[in-house]
Amino acid sequence: MLANQEEILASIRRERENLAWVTGSMPQLRRKFGDQFIAVRDRKVIDHDENFEKLLARVRKLEDPESVTLEFVSALELVWML
């Protein structure tokens, strides 16, 4: 099924909101889910796993998997030096 322009834009907005929430919540996420992959929907962690393939398989079984953002949460805070 092809998505229309409105569905594509809504999907992009959801992804951006989820990524912004992950970025802003990283210290708390690091403490709770360090070195794990997380599945985020509507700015909430709905699942997590150390194994990406296992998490992805569970997310694909959800009713609306395209509304879920998958991210890795490192236990360590990375500092970039330029």
Protein backbone atom coordinates (compact mmCIF):
# COMPACT_ATOMS: atom_id res chain seq x y z
CA MET A 1 0.00 0.00 0.00
CA LEU A 2 1.34 3.41 -0.96
CA ALA A 3 1.19 6.15 1.61
CA ASN A 4 -0.23 9.51 0.66
CA GLN A 5 1.57 12.78 1.33
CA GLU A 6 -0.31 13.44 4.59
CA GLU A 7 0.59 10.01 5.97
CA ILE A 8 4.24 10.51 5.03
CA LEU A 9 4.35 13.92 6.71
CA ALA A 10 2.65 12.55 9.84
CA SER A 11 5.20 9.73 9.97
CA ILE A 12 8.09 12.18 9.65
CA ARG A 13 6.62 14.36 12.43
CA ARG A 14 6.23 11.34 14.75
CA GLU A 15 9.81 10.27 14.08
CA ARG A 16 11.14 13.77 14.76
CA GLU A 17 9.13 14.05 18.00
CA ASN A 18 10.34 10.66 19.19
CA LEU A 19 13.97 11.47 18.36
CA ALA A 20 13.74 14.84 20.10
CA TRP A 21 12.30 13.13 23.18
CA VAL A 22 15.05 10.48 23.15
CA THR A 23 17.73 13.15 22.87
CA GLY A 24 16.26 15.22 25.70
CA SER A 25 15.73 12.18 27.91
CA MET A 26 19.08 10.53 27.28
CA PRO A 27 20.49 10.84 30.83
CA GLN A 28 17.46 9.04 32.29
CA LEU A 29 17.36 6.54 29.42
CA ARG A 30 21.07 5.82 29.90
CA ARG A 31 20.53 4.96 33.56
CA LYS A 32 17.57 2.68 32.87
CA PHE A 33 18.38 1.19 29.44
CA GLY A 34 22.16 1.61 29.04
CA ASP A 35 23.65 -0.52 26.23
CA GLN A 36 20.21 -1.59 25.01
CA PHE A 37 18.01 -0.84 22.04
CA ILE A 38 14.74 0.91 22.84
CA ALA A 39 11.45 1.12 20.98
CA VAL A 40 9.73 4.49 21.39
CA ARG A 41 6.17 5.42 20.49
CA ASP A 42 4.60 8.77 21.34
CA ARG A 43 7.61 9.76 23.42
CA LYS A 44 7.42 6.63 25.62
CA VAL A 45 9.64 3.55 25.74
CA ILE A 46 7.33 0.67 24.88
CA ASP A 47 9.97 -2.10 24.71
CA HIS A 48 13.72 -2.66 25.02
CA ASP A 49 16.27 -5.39 24.45
CA GLU A 50 20.02 -5.90 24.21
CA ASN A 51 19.40 -7.77 20.95
CA PHE A 52 18.24 -5.58 18.07
CA GLU A 53 16.83 -8.46 16.00
CA LYS A 54 14.66 -9.68 18.89
CA LEU A 55 13.33 -6.18 19.54
CA LEU A 56 12.67 -5.60 15.85
CA ALA A 57 10.76 -8.88 15.58
CA ARG A 58 8.49 -7.85 18.47
CA VAL A 59 7.95 -4.35 17.05
CA ARG A 60 7.01 -5.78 13.65
CA LYS A 61 4.19 -7.73 15.34
CA LEU A 62 2.61 -4.53 16.67
CA GLU A 63 -0.53 -3.13 15.09
CA ASP A 64 1.24 0.04 13.92
CA PRO A 65 4.99 -0.73 13.72
CA GLU A 66 5.75 2.28 11.51
CA SER A 67 4.89 4.57 14.43
CA VAL A 68 7.79 3.15 16.48
CA THR A 69 11.29 4.63 16.58
CA LEU A 70 14.19 2.29 17.38
CA GLU A 71 17.32 3.71 18.98
CA PHE A 72 20.42 2.40 20.73
CA VAL A 73 21.14 3.85 24.17
CA SER A 74 24.81 3.75 25.08
CA ALA A 75 25.60 3.35 28.77
CA LEU A 76 28.42 5.84 28.31
CA GLU A 77 28.00 9.45 27.35
CA LEU A 78 30.00 10.10 24.21
CA VAL A 79 31.93 13.34 23.99
CA TRP A 80 33.05 14.59 20.59
CA MET A 81 36.26 16.61 20.50
CA LEU A 82 36.94 18.64 17.40
